Amino acid sequence: MGALNQEKARFDTRLSKEQKQFFERAAFLGGYRTLTDFIIATVQSKAKEIIEEREKTIASQRDKEVFFDALVNPPKPNKNLLAAKEAYNKLLSK
């Protein structure tokens, strides 16, 4: 997670006995030192996945809006585009 001198925060939760045993078994089988290590690694991985997916969705939505806005409200041609059109028309008229 980065720097060693990172500010710490506490997170407490209550689990059923069955949940705790289940998570401890998964932590052990997964090779984690402690249940806390397992929970932090697992939650961090899932959080990253959720955030990346959401950010992709937001970027994709923004791209769609820009694309469709350009189709519906195209900008006026600039002088380079007009010059290219003229050159193309000259080629066709030969």
Protein backbone atom coordinates (compact mmCIF):
# COMPACT_ATOMS: atom_id res chain seq x y z
CA MET A 1 0.00 0.00 0.00
CA GLY A 2 2.90 2.40 -0.10
CA ALA A 3 4.73 4.31 2.59
CA LEU A 4 5.63 2.74 5.91
CA ASN A 5 4.61 5.84 7.88
CA GLN A 6 1.06 5.75 6.57
CA GLU A 7 -1.59 7.07 8.93
CA LYS A 8 -3.66 4.21 10.32
CA ALA A 9 -7.42 4.00 10.79
CA ARG A 10 -9.42 1.35 12.57
CA PHE A 11 -12.27 -0.70 11.12
CA ASP A 12 -14.32 -2.92 13.42
CA THR A 13 -17.08 -5.31 12.50
CA ARG A 14 -19.08 -8.07 14.08
CA LEU A 15 -19.23 -11.50 12.44
CA SER A 16 -21.15 -14.60 13.24
CA LYS A 17 -19.01 -17.40 14.64
CA GLU A 18 -19.58 -19.34 11.42
CA GLN A 19 -18.44 -16.42 9.23
CA LYS A 20 -15.29 -15.96 11.29
CA GLN A 21 -14.42 -19.65 11.07
CA PHE A 22 -15.15 -19.68 7.35
CA PHE A 23 -12.93 -16.63 6.74
CA GLU A 24 -10.17 -18.04 8.96
CA ARG A 25 -10.23 -21.27 6.95
CA ALA A 26 -9.98 -19.33 3.68
CA ALA A 27 -7.13 -17.23 5.09
CA PHE A 28 -5.24 -20.34 6.18
CA LEU A 29 -5.80 -22.14 2.87
CA GLY A 30 -4.83 -19.00 0.97
CA GLY A 31 -1.53 -18.78 2.82
CA TYR A 32 -2.25 -15.51 4.64
CA ARG A 33 -0.43 -14.85 7.92
CA THR A 34 -3.56 -13.63 9.69
CA LEU A 35 -7.28 -13.21 9.18
CA THR A 36 -6.69 -9.45 9.09
CA ASP A 37 -4.15 -9.82 6.26
CA PHE A 38 -6.63 -11.96 4.34
CA ILE A 39 -9.51 -9.55 4.82
CA ILE A 40 -7.48 -6.47 3.89
CA ALA A 41 -6.00 -8.09 0.76
CA THR A 42 -9.35 -9.48 -0.36
CA VAL A 43 -11.34 -6.32 0.26
CA GLN A 44 -8.66 -4.14 -1.32
CA SER A 45 -8.61 -6.34 -4.44
CA LYS A 46 -12.40 -6.27 -4.74
CA ALA A 47 -12.54 -2.51 -4.13
CA LYS A 48 -9.96 -1.92 -6.87
CA GLU A 49 -11.95 -4.11 -9.26
CA ILE A 50 -15.20 -2.23 -8.52
CA ILE A 51 -13.57 1.19 -8.88
CA GLU A 52 -11.80 0.30 -12.15
CA GLU A 53 -15.01 -1.11 -13.64
CA ARG A 54 -17.01 1.96 -12.58
CA GLU A 55 -14.38 4.33 -13.97
CA LYS A 56 -14.42 2.42 -17.29
CA THR A 57 -18.20 2.72 -17.39
CA ILE A 58 -18.03 6.45 -16.69
CA ALA A 59 -15.33 6.98 -19.35
CA SER A 60 -17.29 4.85 -21.83
CA GLN A 61 -20.46 6.85 -21.18
CA ARG A 62 -18.55 10.12 -21.61
CA ASP A 63 -17.05 8.84 -24.89
CA LYS A 64 -20.53 7.93 -26.17
CA GLU A 65 -21.86 11.37 -25.28
CA VAL A 66 -18.97 13.12 -27.06
CA PHE A 67 -19.32 10.86 -30.12
CA PHE A 68 -23.08 11.24 -30.48
CA ASP A 69 -22.91 14.98 -29.80
CA ALA A 70 -20.39 15.27 -32.66
CA LEU A 71 -22.79 13.35 -34.93
CA VAL A 72 -25.86 15.34 -33.97
CA ASN A 73 -24.12 18.73 -33.68
CA PRO A 74 -21.12 18.53 -36.01
CA PRO A 75 -18.69 21.44 -35.87
CA LYS A 76 -18.40 23.73 -38.87
CA PRO A 77 -15.62 22.66 -41.26
CA ASN A 78 -12.31 24.43 -40.62
CA LYS A 79 -10.11 25.84 -43.40
CA ASN A 80 -8.01 22.64 -43.60
CA LEU A 81 -11.11 20.52 -44.18
CA LEU A 82 -12.44 22.98 -46.75
CA ALA A 83 -9.05 22.94 -48.54
CA ALA A 84 -9.07 19.14 -48.55
CA LYS A 85 -12.57 19.14 -50.03
CA GLU A 86 -11.44 21.53 -52.78
CA ALA A 87 -8.41 19.36 -53.59
CA TYR A 88 -10.62 16.26 -53.69
CA ASN A 89 -13.17 17.94 -55.96
CA LYS A 90 -10.34 19.01 -58.33
CA LEU A 91 -9.12 15.42 -58.50
CA LEU A 92 -12.62 14.20 -59.35
CA SER A 93 -13.17 16.82 -62.04
CA LYS A 94 -10.06 15.80 -64.06
